[in-house]
Amino acid sequence: MPARAEPIYVVEDDAEVARLILTTLRKYDFDAECFSAGQAALDRIRQRPPRLCVLDLGLPDMDGFELLQQIRTRHRFGLLILTGRGDTFDRVTGLELGADDYMVKPFEPRELIARVRSILRRYGAETMPPQAARIAEFASWRFDTATHELAALDGKRETLSLAEATLLKRFLERPNQILSREQLLDGRSLDALDRSIDLRVSRLRKHLEENPQQARLIRTVYGAGYLFCADVHWT
């Protein structure tokens, strides 16, 4: 049973839909709070991050994608988009910006609960490495943070440079979350013409991606930064 100390936030401006979502969540013993505007949700998230957020895209004070991007820049918790916008472009954009799942209204309450539970299971394990952990396993790769050795399932092994290893470790510590260029450079501010982080990402993609020009693992989120799309397990 989910702990009541970690609620689910519902961001939905349609009172009837919000009531249905809250009733469904509470029926299955989830603690839930509702917000009818994006800014109100952001203010509450800063005070008390939730376990998961159910987010509508059509909000009165900001576009849902803007809210999603602001959340993913600073926080890591489950994000489920529940919206009337069923266009493929919106679905792909939402997932690329960091949503864990995307549902279109009208929805079946039992399907909503199933998707919520699936996301919560995904976030059940701690993503940041334990103190003594040094091996990260992700996609079809295994990375040793101590030796900088990157190994593939097919047996291929190589040693990354210090810059490449440092960048990969930052991605591995915060998977499925948009990271700005400044975050990837440890907070160092970037000049408008400074493309050093983009060059590092490009080099790292050549190690990890079958086709670096159509990257699947390290995705560019235009105007925001980069998104590392993989579940990570530490040993």
C-alpha atoms as a PDB file:
ATOM      1  CA  MET A   1       0.000   0.000   0.000  1.00  0.00           C
ATOM      2  CA  PRO A   2       1.451   3.448  -0.913  1.00  0.00           C
ATOM      3  CA  ALA A   3       2.543   5.490   2.042  1.00  0.00           C
ATOM      4  CA  ARG A   4       0.190   8.353   2.835  1.00  0.00           C
ATOM      5  CA  ALA A   5       3.185  10.563   3.540  1.00  0.00           C
ATOM      6  CA  GLU A   6       3.836  10.587  -0.221  1.00  0.00           C
ATOM      7  CA  PRO A   7       0.657  11.732  -1.991  1.00  0.00           C
ATOM      8  CA  ILE A   8      -0.288  11.733  -5.638  1.00  0.00           C
ATOM      9  CA  TYR A   9      -0.919  15.192  -7.108  1.00  0.00           C
ATOM     10  CA  VAL A  10      -3.611  15.678  -9.731  1.00  0.00           C
ATOM     11  CA  VAL A  11      -3.274  18.790 -11.934  1.00  0.00           C
ATOM     12  CA  GLU A  12      -6.660  19.171 -13.639  1.00  0.00           C
ATOM     13  CA  ASP A  13      -8.826  22.274 -14.138  1.00  0.00           C
ATOM     14  CA  ASP A  14     -12.039  20.443 -15.064  1.00  0.00           C
ATOM     15  CA  ALA A  15     -13.789  19.967 -11.713  1.00  0.00           C
ATOM     16  CA  GLU A  16     -15.804  16.932 -12.837  1.00  0.00           C
ATOM     17  CA  VAL A  17     -12.781  15.125 -14.251  1.00  0.00           C
ATOM     18  CA  ALA A  18     -10.699  16.030 -11.198  1.00  0.00           C
ATOM     19  CA  ARG A  19     -13.392  14.617  -8.926  1.00  0.00           C
ATOM     20  CA  LEU A  20     -13.445  11.345 -10.895  1.00  0.00           C
ATOM     21  CA  ILE A  21      -9.642  10.983 -10.737  1.00  0.00           C
ATOM     22  CA  LEU A  22      -9.535  11.713  -7.011  1.00  0.00           C
ATOM     23  CA  THR A  23     -12.396   9.310  -6.301  1.00  0.00           C
ATOM     24  CA  THR A  24     -10.656   6.578  -8.296  1.00  0.00           C
ATOM     25  CA  LEU A  25      -7.304   7.060  -6.566  1.00  0.00           C
ATOM     26  CA  ARG A  26      -8.808   7.201  -3.096  1.00  0.00           C
ATOM     27  CA  LYS A  27     -10.925   4.114  -3.767  1.00  0.00           C
ATOM     28  CA  TYR A  28      -7.649   2.223  -4.156  1.00  0.00           C
ATOM     29  CA  ASP A  29      -6.246   3.810  -0.992  1.00  0.00           C
ATOM     30  CA  PHE A  30      -3.968   6.378  -2.614  1.00  0.00           C
ATOM     31  CA  ASP A  31      -3.626   9.718  -0.844  1.00  0.00           C
ATOM     32  CA  ALA A  32      -4.309  12.409  -3.470  1.00  0.00           C
ATOM     33  CA  GLU A  33      -4.480  16.193  -3.749  1.00  0.00           C
ATOM     34  CA  CYS A  34      -5.808  18.237  -6.675  1.00  0.00           C
ATOM     35  CA  PHE A  35      -4.679  21.534  -8.233  1.00  0.00           C
ATOM     36  CA  SER A  36      -6.598  23.411 -10.914  1.00  0.00           C
ATOM     37  CA  ALA A  37      -3.616  25.474 -12.167  1.00  0.00           C
ATOM     38  CA  GLY A  38       0.016  24.791 -13.008  1.00  0.00           C
ATOM     39  CA  GLN A  39       1.567  27.426 -10.751  1.00  0.00           C
ATOM     40  CA  ALA A  40      -0.352  26.197  -7.725  1.00  0.00           C
ATOM     41  CA  ALA A  41       0.956  22.690  -8.398  1.00  0.00           C
ATOM     42  CA  LEU A  42       4.538  23.963  -8.764  1.00  0.00           C
ATOM     43  CA  ASP A  43       4.314  25.868  -5.475  1.00  0.00           C
ATOM     44  CA  ARG A  44       3.078  22.746  -3.689  1.00  0.00           C
ATOM     45  CA  ILE A  45       5.704  20.526  -5.321  1.00  0.00           C
ATOM     46  CA  ARG A  46       8.470  22.824  -4.054  1.00  0.00           C
ATOM     47  CA  GLN A  47       7.096  22.475  -0.526  1.00  0.00           C
ATOM     48  CA  ARG A  48       6.393  18.763  -0.663  1.00  0.00           C
ATOM     49  CA  PRO A  49       7.277  16.654  -3.729  1.00  0.00           C
ATOM     50  CA  PRO A  50       4.724  13.932  -4.451  1.00  0.00           C
ATOM     51  CA  ARG A  51       5.240  10.323  -5.295  1.00  0.00           C
ATOM     52  CA  LEU A  52       3.522  10.781  -8.637  1.00  0.00           C
ATOM     53  CA  CYS A  53       1.764  13.561 -10.561  1.00  0.00           C
ATOM     54  CA  VAL A  54      -1.211  13.089 -12.899  1.00  0.00           C
ATOM     55  CA  LEU A  55      -1.023  16.013 -15.304  1.00  0.00           C
ATOM     56  CA  ASP A  56      -3.494  17.514 -17.779  1.00  0.00           C
ATOM     57  CA  LEU A  57      -2.008  19.459 -20.702  1.00  0.00           C
ATOM     58  CA  GLY A  58      -4.771  22.051 -21.036  1.00  0.00           C
ATOM     59  CA  LEU A  59      -4.332  24.300 -17.990  1.00  0.00           C
ATOM     60  CA  PRO A  60      -5.647  27.853 -17.493  1.00  0.00           C
ATOM     61  CA  ASP A  61      -2.328  29.524 -16.613  1.00  0.00           C
ATOM     62  CA  MET A  62       0.297  27.607 -18.609  1.00  0.00           C
ATOM     63  CA  ASP A  63       0.678  24.867 -21.175  1.00  0.00           C
ATOM     64  CA  GLY A  64       1.045  21.425 -19.662  1.00  0.00           C
ATOM     65  CA  PHE A  65       4.309  20.833 -21.535  1.00  0.00           C
ATOM     66  CA  GLU A  66       5.784  23.915 -19.872  1.00  0.00           C
ATOM     67  CA  LEU A  67       4.756  22.585 -16.478  1.00  0.00           C
ATOM     68  CA  LEU A  68       6.153  19.158 -17.307  1.00  0.00           C
ATOM     69  CA  GLN A  69       9.476  20.667 -18.348  1.00  0.00           C
ATOM     70  CA  GLN A  70       9.732  22.777 -15.181  1.00  0.00           C
ATOM     71  CA  ILE A  71       9.029  19.728 -13.018  1.00  0.00           C
ATOM     72  CA  ARG A  72      11.515  17.474 -14.793  1.00  0.00           C
ATOM     73  CA  THR A  73      14.254  20.112 -14.594  1.00  0.00           C
ATOM     74  CA  ARG A  74      14.177  20.000 -10.781  1.00  0.00           C
ATOM     75  CA  HIS A  75      12.465  16.815  -9.631  1.00  0.00           C
ATOM     76  CA  ARG A  76      12.379  13.079 -10.142  1.00  0.00           C
ATOM     77  CA  PHE A  77       9.054  11.383  -9.427  1.00  0.00           C
ATOM     78  CA  GLY A  78       6.401   9.642 -11.494  1.00  0.00           C
ATOM     79  CA  LEU A  79       4.620  11.693 -14.172  1.00  0.00           C
ATOM     80  CA  LEU A  80       1.475  10.522 -15.960  1.00  0.00           C
ATOM     81  CA  ILE A  81      -0.102  12.758 -18.602  1.00  0.00           C
ATOM     82  CA  LEU A  82      -3.907  12.416 -18.686  1.00  0.00           C
ATOM     83  CA  THR A  83      -5.349  14.670 -21.354  1.00  0.00           C
ATOM     84  CA  GLY A  84      -7.912  15.084 -24.084  1.00  0.00           C
ATOM     85  CA  ARG A  85      -5.131  15.718 -26.610  1.00  0.00           C
ATOM     86  CA  GLY A  86      -4.670  12.439 -28.470  1.00  0.00           C
ATOM     87  CA  ASP A  87      -2.463  13.682 -31.295  1.00  0.00           C
ATOM     88  CA  THR A  88       0.644  11.576 -31.897  1.00  0.00           C
ATOM     89  CA  PHE A  89       2.849  14.678 -31.836  1.00  0.00           C
ATOM     90  CA  ASP A  90       1.590  15.590 -28.348  1.00  0.00           C
ATOM     91  CA  ARG A  91       2.096  12.027 -27.131  1.00  0.00           C
ATOM     92  CA  VAL A  92       5.667  11.847 -28.432  1.00  0.00           C
ATOM     93  CA  THR A  93       6.489  15.331 -27.112  1.00  0.00           C
ATOM     94  CA  GLY A  94       5.174  14.481 -23.653  1.00  0.00           C
ATOM     95  CA  LEU A  95       7.196  11.284 -23.427  1.00  0.00           C
ATOM     96  CA  GLU A  96      10.352  12.936 -24.748  1.00  0.00           C
ATOM     97  CA  LEU A  97      10.022  15.723 -22.174  1.00  0.00           C
ATOM     98  CA  GLY A  98      10.077  13.143 -19.410  1.00  0.00           C
ATOM     99  CA  ALA A  99       6.534  11.838 -18.832  1.00  0.00           C
ATOM    100  CA  ASP A 100       6.455   8.169 -17.832  1.00  0.00           C
ATOM    101  CA  ASP A 101       3.142   7.435 -19.520  1.00  0.00           C
ATOM    102  CA  TYR A 102       0.420   9.124 -21.573  1.00  0.00           C
ATOM    103  CA  MET A 103      -3.349   8.500 -21.388  1.00  0.00           C
ATOM    104  CA  VAL A 104      -6.130  10.088 -23.423  1.00  0.00           C
ATOM    105  CA  LYS A 105      -9.537  11.038 -21.999  1.00  0.00           C
ATOM    106  CA  PRO A 106     -12.067   9.603 -21.538  1.00  0.00           C
ATOM    107  CA  PHE A 107     -10.328   7.000 -19.421  1.00  0.00           C
ATOM    108  CA  GLU A 108     -11.269   3.755 -17.729  1.00  0.00           C
ATOM    109  CA  PRO A 109     -10.648   4.067 -13.965  1.00  0.00           C
ATOM    110  CA  ARG A 110      -9.122   0.598 -13.632  1.00  0.00           C
ATOM    111  CA  GLU A 111      -6.691   1.345 -16.455  1.00  0.00           C
ATOM    112  CA  LEU A 112      -5.682   4.567 -14.693  1.00  0.00           C
ATOM    113  CA  ILE A 113      -4.912   2.622 -11.512  1.00  0.00           C
ATOM    114  CA  ALA A 114      -2.952   0.011 -13.465  1.00  0.00           C
ATOM    115  CA  ARG A 115      -0.808   2.682 -15.094  1.00  0.00           C
ATOM    116  CA  VAL A 116      -0.278   4.509 -11.801  1.00  0.00           C
ATOM    117  CA  ARG A 117       0.869   1.292 -10.149  1.00  0.00           C
ATOM    118  CA  SER A 118       3.194   0.521 -13.053  1.00  0.00           C
ATOM    119  CA  ILE A 119       4.879   3.926 -12.744  1.00  0.00           C
ATOM    120  CA  LEU A 120       5.181   3.601  -8.976  1.00  0.00           C
ATOM    121  CA  ARG A 121       6.861   0.213  -9.355  1.00  0.00           C
ATOM    122  CA  ARG A 122       9.345   1.838 -11.728  1.00  0.00           C
ATOM    123  CA  TYR A 123      10.206   4.418  -9.082  1.00  0.00           C
ATOM    124  CA  GLY A 124      10.182   1.948  -6.221  1.00  0.00           C
ATOM    125  CA  ALA A 125      13.905   1.248  -6.424  1.00  0.00           C
ATOM    126  CA  GLU A 126      16.369   3.970  -5.520  1.00  0.00           C
ATOM    127  CA  THR A 127      17.916   5.353  -8.730  1.00  0.00           C
ATOM    128  CA  MET A 128      20.879   7.110  -7.164  1.00  0.00           C
ATOM    129  CA  PRO A 129      23.698   4.631  -6.517  1.00  0.00           C
ATOM    130  CA  PRO A 130      24.234   3.325  -2.973  1.00  0.00           C
ATOM    131  CA  GLN A 131      27.403   4.543  -1.299  1.00  0.00           C
ATOM    132  CA  ALA A 132      29.469   1.481  -2.173  1.00  0.00           C
ATOM    133  CA  ALA A 133      27.983   0.872  -5.626  1.00  0.00           C
ATOM    134  CA  ARG A 134      30.291   1.261  -8.600  1.00  0.00           C
ATOM    135  CA  ILE A 135      28.710  -0.822 -11.396  1.00  0.00           C
ATOM    136  CA  ALA A 136      25.794   0.572 -13.389  1.00  0.00           C
ATOM    137  CA  GLU A 137      23.765  -1.668 -15.696  1.00  0.00           C
ATOM    138  CA  PHE A 138      21.486  -0.058 -18.281  1.00  0.00           C
ATOM    139  CA  ALA A 139      20.016  -0.971 -21.676  1.00  0.00           C
ATOM    140  CA  SER A 140      22.564  -3.457 -23.055  1.00  0.00           C
ATOM    141  CA  TRP A 141      25.525  -1.938 -21.223  1.00  0.00           C
ATOM    142  CA  ARG A 142      27.551  -2.300 -18.038  1.00  0.00           C
ATOM    143  CA  PHE A 143      29.677   0.611 -16.790  1.00  0.00           C
ATOM    144  CA  ASP A 144      32.325   0.502 -14.054  1.00  0.00           C
ATOM    145  CA  THR A 145      32.597   3.983 -12.525  1.00  0.00           C
ATOM    146  CA  ALA A 146      35.931   3.154 -10.906  1.00  0.00           C
ATOM    147  CA  THR A 147      37.803   1.922 -13.983  1.00  0.00           C
ATOM    148  CA  HIS A 148      35.699   3.779 -16.604  1.00  0.00           C
ATOM    149  CA  GLU A 149      35.261   0.478 -18.471  1.00  0.00           C
ATOM    150  CA  LEU A 150      32.158   0.272 -20.659  1.00  0.00           C
ATOM    151  CA  ALA A 151      31.105  -3.255 -21.593  1.00  0.00           C
ATOM    152  CA  ALA A 152      28.390  -4.416 -23.987  1.00  0.00           C
ATOM    153  CA  LEU A 153      26.431  -7.667 -23.774  1.00  0.00           C
ATOM    154  CA  ASP A 154      28.173  -8.894 -26.929  1.00  0.00           C
ATOM    155  CA  GLY A 155      31.503  -8.773 -25.104  1.00  0.00           C
ATOM    156  CA  LYS A 156      32.813  -5.529 -26.564  1.00  0.00           C
ATOM    157  CA  ARG A 157      34.793  -3.529 -23.999  1.00  0.00           C
ATOM    158  CA  GLU A 158      36.406  -0.102 -24.043  1.00  0.00           C
ATOM    159  CA  THR A 159      37.677   2.472 -21.584  1.00  0.00           C
ATOM    160  CA  LEU A 160      36.084   5.918 -21.658  1.00  0.00           C
ATOM    161  CA  SER A 161      38.028   9.122 -21.240  1.00  0.00           C
ATOM    162  CA  LEU A 162      37.662  10.992 -17.963  1.00  0.00           C
ATOM    163  CA  ALA A 163      35.337  13.573 -19.545  1.00  0.00           C
ATOM    164  CA  GLU A 164      33.167  10.878 -21.161  1.00  0.00           C
ATOM    165  CA  ALA A 165      33.026   8.808 -17.963  1.00  0.00           C
ATOM    166  CA  THR A 166      32.092  11.827 -15.831  1.00  0.00           C
ATOM    167  CA  LEU A 167      29.294  12.772 -18.224  1.00  0.00           C
ATOM    168  CA  LEU A 168      27.943   9.216 -18.389  1.00  0.00           C
ATOM    169  CA  LYS A 169      27.962   8.944 -14.597  1.00  0.00           C
ATOM    170  CA  ARG A 170      25.860  12.134 -14.324  1.00  0.00           C
ATOM    171  CA  PHE A 171      23.332  10.687 -16.744  1.00  0.00           C
ATOM    172  CA  LEU A 172      23.269   7.356 -14.890  1.00  0.00           C
ATOM    173  CA  GLU A 173      22.648   9.055 -11.540  1.00  0.00           C
ATOM    174  CA  ARG A 174      19.601  10.894 -12.920  1.00  0.00           C
ATOM    175  CA  PRO A 175      17.980   8.744 -15.619  1.00  0.00           C
ATOM    176  CA  ASN A 176      14.682   9.648 -17.300  1.00  0.00           C
ATOM    177  CA  GLN A 177      15.084  13.264 -16.247  1.00  0.00           C
ATOM    178  CA  ILE A 178      15.888  16.306 -18.374  1.00  0.00           C
ATOM    179  CA  LEU A 179      19.294  17.702 -17.454  1.00  0.00           C
ATOM    180  CA  SER A 180      20.363  21.150 -18.592  1.00  0.00           C
ATOM    181  CA  ARG A 181      23.818  21.760 -20.010  1.00  0.00           C
ATOM    182  CA  GLU A 182      24.713  23.635 -16.808  1.00  0.00           C
ATOM    183  CA  GLN A 183      23.687  20.625 -14.685  1.00  0.00           C
ATOM    184  CA  LEU A 184      25.807  18.335 -16.816  1.00  0.00           C
ATOM    185  CA  LEU A 185      28.776  20.655 -16.319  1.00  0.00           C
ATOM    186  CA  ASP A 186      28.294  20.719 -12.538  1.00  0.00           C
ATOM    187  CA  GLY A 187      26.620  24.095 -12.449  1.00  0.00           C
ATOM    188  CA  ARG A 188      29.226  25.967 -14.492  1.00  0.00           C
ATOM    189  CA  SER A 189      27.440  28.692 -16.453  1.00  0.00           C
ATOM    190  CA  LEU A 190      27.730  28.483 -20.213  1.00  0.00           C
ATOM    191  CA  ASP A 191      28.509  31.177 -22.696  1.00  0.00           C
ATOM    192  CA  ALA A 192      25.995  31.339 -25.548  1.00  0.00           C
ATOM    193  CA  LEU A 193      28.659  30.075 -27.942  1.00  0.00           C
ATOM    194  CA  ASP A 194      30.027  27.374 -25.636  1.00  0.00           C
ATOM    195  CA  ARG A 195      29.170  24.003 -27.211  1.00  0.00           C
ATOM    196  CA  SER A 196      31.592  21.898 -25.153  1.00  0.00           C
ATOM    197  CA  ILE A 197      28.867  19.832 -23.502  1.00  0.00           C
ATOM    198  CA  ASP A 198      27.260  19.125 -26.884  1.00  0.00           C
ATOM    199  CA  LEU A 199      30.585  17.823 -28.177  1.00  0.00           C
ATOM    200  CA  ARG A 200      30.954  15.576 -25.127  1.00  0.00           C
ATOM    201  CA  VAL A 201      27.441  14.224 -25.623  1.00  0.00           C
ATOM    202  CA  SER A 202      28.210  13.596 -29.284  1.00  0.00           C
ATOM    203  CA  ARG A 203      31.325  11.605 -28.382  1.00  0.00           C
ATOM    204  CA  LEU A 204      29.458   9.602 -25.746  1.00  0.00           C
ATOM    205  CA  ARG A 205      26.685   8.781 -28.220  1.00  0.00           C
ATOM    206  CA  LYS A 206      29.258   7.260 -30.563  1.00  0.00           C
ATOM    207  CA  HIS A 207      30.074   4.746 -27.829  1.00  0.00           C
ATOM    208  CA  LEU A 208      26.475   3.939 -26.872  1.00  0.00           C
ATOM    209  CA  GLU A 209      24.264   4.414 -29.913  1.00  0.00           C
ATOM    210  CA  GLU A 210      23.970   2.233 -33.019  1.00  0.00           C
ATOM    211  CA  ASN A 211      23.064   5.376 -34.969  1.00  0.00           C
ATOM    212  CA  PRO A 212      24.308   8.517 -33.156  1.00  0.00           C
ATOM    213  CA  GLN A 213      22.379  10.707 -35.617  1.00  0.00           C
ATOM    214  CA  GLN A 214      19.099   9.150 -34.424  1.00  0.00           C
ATOM    215  CA  ALA A 215      19.912   8.748 -30.750  1.00  0.00           C
ATOM    216  CA  ARG A 216      17.535   6.691 -28.640  1.00  0.00           C
ATOM    217  CA  LEU A 217      19.453   6.532 -25.364  1.00  0.00           C
ATOM    218  CA  ILE A 218      20.617  10.147 -24.994  1.00  0.00           C
ATOM    219  CA  ARG A 219      17.922  12.371 -26.472  1.00  0.00           C
ATOM    220  CA  THR A 220      18.164  16.080 -27.135  1.00  0.00           C
ATOM    221  CA  VAL A 221      15.315  18.118 -25.636  1.00  0.00           C
ATOM    222  CA  TYR A 222      15.501  21.338 -27.601  1.00  0.00           C
ATOM    223  CA  GLY A 223      15.670  24.416 -25.408  1.00  0.00           C
ATOM    224  CA  ALA A 224      16.094  22.340 -22.242  1.00  0.00           C
ATOM    225  CA  GLY A 225      19.060  19.959 -22.397  1.00  0.00           C
ATOM    226  CA  TYR A 226      19.372  16.183 -22.621  1.00  0.00           C
ATOM    227  CA  LEU A 227      17.327  13.184 -21.460  1.00  0.00           C
ATOM    228  CA  PHE A 228      18.909   9.792 -20.641  1.00  0.00           C
ATOM    229  CA  CYS A 229      16.231   7.241 -21.556  1.00  0.00           C
ATOM    230  CA  ALA A 230      16.998   4.047 -19.640  1.00  0.00           C
ATOM    231  CA  ASP A 231      16.374   2.357 -16.329  1.00  0.00           C
ATOM    232  CA  VAL A 232      19.584   2.008 -14.310  1.00  0.00           C
ATOM    233  CA  HIS A 233      20.501  -0.678 -11.773  1.00  0.00           C
ATOM    234  CA  TRP A 234      23.485  -0.265  -9.438  1.00  0.00           C
ATOM    235  CA  THR A 235      25.586  -3.000  -7.820  1.00  0.00           C
END
